[in-house]
Amino acid sequence: MAKQSRSLDAAPEGTAEALAHARIAWEAEVENARRLAQRTALLITIEAALLGVGAARAFAAIDSSLTRGLLACSAGFVLAGLTMLLRPRRRGREPAQSSLLLLGNPQMLSHAHELPRVRVARHVLQMTVHATMDLGRRNSRKQRDIDHAQIGLLLAGSSWIAAVLCWLVRGTGS
């Protein structure tokens, strides 16, 4: 049982596996952040295009107040989605980027050659885990913002389709 509770100092071979695992976790969060950034860019493009189409239609001669109201709702939903994607975040005490957390204590790193290897490995592991958790939190917030923007896009599309249907029904009845 004593072997199961060994510290990193007593089991330096365990630190290599822990560091490898932390590195894989970090790379996974970086890949997740990259994909979230691509989705954000795609949503911004789609919502900006919808806003442009909505603005062009707003100046068209629409005689129905219901149709105008639905188009206005659609534009409002698109703006809400864009706001979710583009709003600035308060940084507070956290650094601007999770990767800065990987640097850790500069004094520790500058004297790494003088320290026991296990102590340096433990320090690097702690920095990597902390940075990975921070990036994971940031990715979760970004995913939530994307989800909200997609809901806004769905509601905007529904309102726009309803407005077009009202316009067509109104136009064919005249």
Protein backbone atom coordinates (compact mmCIF):
# COMPACT_ATOMS: atom_id res chain seq x y z
CA MET A 1 0.00 0.00 0.00
CA ALA A 2 2.90 2.32 0.59
CA LYS A 3 3.81 2.01 -3.08
CA GLN A 4 0.43 3.44 -4.14
CA SER A 5 0.89 6.63 -2.12
CA ARG A 6 4.43 7.39 -3.31
CA SER A 7 5.24 11.04 -3.94
CA LEU A 8 6.73 12.36 -7.14
CA ASP A 9 10.12 12.53 -5.40
CA ALA A 10 10.06 8.78 -4.79
CA ALA A 11 8.70 7.88 -8.24
CA PRO A 12 10.41 9.98 -10.91
CA GLU A 13 9.27 7.59 -13.64
CA GLY A 14 5.65 8.50 -12.80
CA THR A 15 6.32 12.15 -13.54
CA ALA A 16 7.12 11.37 -17.16
CA GLU A 17 3.71 9.78 -17.67
CA ALA A 18 2.00 12.63 -15.82
CA LEU A 19 3.79 15.20 -17.96
CA ALA A 20 2.89 13.30 -21.14
CA HIS A 21 -0.75 13.16 -20.07
CA ALA A 22 -0.78 16.89 -19.19
CA ARG A 23 0.74 17.69 -22.57
CA ILE A 24 -1.94 15.66 -24.38
CA ALA A 25 -4.65 17.43 -22.37
CA TRP A 26 -3.13 20.83 -23.23
CA GLU A 27 -2.96 19.99 -26.93
CA ALA A 28 -6.59 18.81 -26.86
CA GLU A 29 -7.72 22.11 -25.32
CA VAL A 30 -5.68 24.06 -27.88
CA GLU A 31 -7.35 22.09 -30.70
CA ASN A 32 -10.74 22.71 -29.11
CA ALA A 33 -9.98 26.45 -28.95
CA ARG A 34 -8.99 26.43 -32.63
CA ARG A 35 -12.24 24.75 -33.64
CA LEU A 36 -14.30 27.12 -31.51
CA ALA A 37 -12.57 30.07 -33.18
CA GLN A 38 -13.45 28.67 -36.62
CA ARG A 39 -17.09 28.18 -35.61
CA THR A 40 -17.20 31.70 -34.20
CA ALA A 41 -15.85 33.15 -37.45
CA LEU A 42 -18.41 31.19 -39.48
CA LEU A 43 -21.29 32.33 -37.27
CA ILE A 44 -20.17 35.95 -37.45
CA THR A 45 -20.08 35.74 -41.25
CA ILE A 46 -23.55 34.17 -41.46
CA GLU A 47 -25.08 36.61 -38.99
CA ALA A 48 -23.49 39.62 -40.68
CA ALA A 49 -24.86 38.43 -44.04
CA LEU A 50 -28.33 37.99 -42.55
CA LEU A 51 -28.13 41.42 -41.02
CA GLY A 52 -27.20 42.85 -44.43
CA VAL A 53 -30.12 41.08 -46.11
CA GLY A 54 -32.42 42.24 -43.34
CA ALA A 55 -31.23 45.84 -43.71
CA ALA A 56 -31.81 45.70 -47.47
CA ARG A 57 -35.33 44.35 -46.93
CA ALA A 58 -36.08 46.96 -44.28
CA PHE A 59 -35.96 49.66 -46.94
CA ALA A 60 -38.18 47.69 -49.34
CA ALA A 61 -41.78 48.75 -49.74
CA ILE A 62 -43.46 46.45 -47.22
CA ASP A 63 -47.01 47.45 -46.47
CA SER A 64 -47.75 44.93 -43.70
CA SER A 65 -46.89 45.92 -40.16
CA LEU A 66 -46.77 42.22 -39.22
CA THR A 67 -44.12 41.55 -41.87
CA ARG A 68 -42.13 44.59 -40.78
CA GLY A 69 -42.39 43.46 -37.16
CA LEU A 70 -41.15 39.97 -37.99
CA LEU A 71 -38.22 41.38 -39.96
CA ALA A 72 -37.41 43.66 -37.02
CA CYS A 73 -37.51 40.65 -34.66
CA SER A 74 -35.23 38.77 -37.01
CA ALA A 75 -32.74 41.64 -37.02
CA GLY A 76 -32.93 41.82 -33.23
CA PHE A 77 -32.15 38.12 -32.88
CA VAL A 78 -29.20 38.43 -35.26
CA LEU A 79 -27.86 41.41 -33.30
CA ALA A 80 -28.25 39.49 -30.04
CA GLY A 81 -26.28 36.59 -31.54
CA LEU A 82 -23.53 38.89 -32.76
CA THR A 83 -23.38 40.53 -29.36
CA MET A 84 -22.87 37.14 -27.71
CA LEU A 85 -20.00 36.36 -30.06
CA LEU A 86 -18.28 39.73 -30.07
CA ARG A 87 -18.76 41.04 -26.55
CA PRO A 88 -15.60 41.81 -24.64
CA ARG A 89 -14.86 39.83 -21.50
CA ARG A 90 -13.62 41.21 -18.22
CA ARG A 91 -10.23 39.76 -17.56
CA GLY A 92 -10.02 40.43 -13.84
CA ARG A 93 -6.97 38.89 -12.27
CA GLU A 94 -6.42 36.28 -14.97
CA PRO A 95 -3.77 36.76 -17.64
CA ALA A 96 -4.90 37.51 -21.17
CA GLN A 97 -3.88 34.07 -22.47
CA SER A 98 -3.77 30.63 -20.93
CA SER A 99 -0.47 29.95 -22.63
CA LEU A 100 1.13 32.60 -20.41
CA LEU A 101 0.41 30.32 -17.48
CA LEU A 102 2.74 27.74 -19.01
CA LEU A 103 5.67 30.05 -18.36
CA GLY A 104 5.13 29.87 -14.61
CA ASN A 105 7.68 31.27 -12.22
CA PRO A 106 10.58 32.76 -14.22
CA GLN A 107 12.95 32.46 -11.24
CA MET A 108 12.22 28.75 -10.94
CA LEU A 109 12.85 28.20 -14.63
CA SER A 110 16.05 30.26 -14.65
CA HIS A 111 17.48 28.10 -11.85
CA ALA A 112 16.09 24.82 -13.18
CA HIS A 113 19.55 23.44 -13.87
CA GLU A 114 20.40 23.80 -10.14
CA LEU A 115 17.26 22.05 -8.88
CA PRO A 116 16.47 18.35 -8.62
CA ARG A 117 14.93 17.01 -11.78
CA VAL A 118 11.79 15.80 -10.01
CA ARG A 119 11.13 19.23 -8.49
CA VAL A 120 11.39 20.87 -11.92
CA ALA A 121 9.14 18.20 -13.42
CA ARG A 122 6.57 18.74 -10.66
CA HIS A 123 6.67 22.49 -11.27
CA VAL A 124 6.23 22.06 -15.02
CA LEU A 125 3.38 19.61 -14.43
CA GLN A 126 1.60 22.08 -12.14
CA MET A 127 1.97 24.89 -14.67
CA THR A 128 0.69 22.70 -17.51
CA VAL A 129 -2.30 21.47 -15.52
CA HIS A 130 -3.16 25.01 -14.41
CA ALA A 131 -2.92 26.36 -17.96
CA THR A 132 -4.97 23.45 -19.34
CA MET A 133 -7.72 23.99 -16.79
CA ASP A 134 -7.75 27.73 -17.52
CA LEU A 135 -8.00 27.14 -21.27
CA GLY A 136 -10.72 24.56 -20.66
CA ARG A 137 -12.75 27.15 -18.70
CA ARG A 138 -12.28 29.69 -21.47
CA ASN A 139 -13.33 27.12 -24.08
CA SER A 140 -16.46 26.30 -22.06
CA ARG A 141 -17.46 29.98 -21.94
CA LYS A 142 -16.84 30.32 -25.68
CA GLN A 143 -18.91 27.20 -26.38
CA ARG A 144 -21.77 28.66 -24.32
CA ASP A 145 -21.57 31.92 -26.28
CA ILE A 146 -21.62 29.99 -29.57
CA ASP A 147 -24.64 28.00 -28.41
CA HIS A 148 -26.50 31.21 -27.54
CA ALA A 149 -25.56 32.78 -30.87
CA GLN A 150 -26.83 29.69 -32.70
CA ILE A 151 -30.14 29.93 -30.84
CA GLY A 152 -30.35 33.59 -31.89
CA LEU A 153 -29.62 32.57 -35.47
CA LEU A 154 -32.34 29.91 -35.37
CA LEU A 155 -34.88 32.39 -34.00
CA ALA A 156 -33.82 34.99 -36.57
CA GLY A 157 -34.20 32.47 -39.39
CA SER A 158 -37.63 31.46 -38.11
CA SER A 159 -38.76 35.09 -37.90
CA TRP A 160 -37.38 35.81 -41.36
CA ILE A 161 -39.17 32.80 -42.88
CA ALA A 162 -42.41 33.83 -41.14
CA ALA A 163 -41.99 37.36 -42.54
CA VAL A 164 -41.44 36.04 -46.07
CA LEU A 165 -44.49 33.78 -45.78
CA CYS A 166 -46.61 36.68 -44.54
CA TRP A 167 -45.35 38.83 -47.40
CA LEU A 168 -46.13 36.09 -49.94
CA VAL A 169 -49.60 35.43 -48.51
CA ARG A 170 -50.31 39.14 -48.40
CA GLY A 171 -48.94 39.64 -51.90
CA THR A 172 -50.99 36.84 -53.46
CA GLY A 173 -54.19 37.99 -51.77
CA SER A 174 -54.03 41.47 -53.30
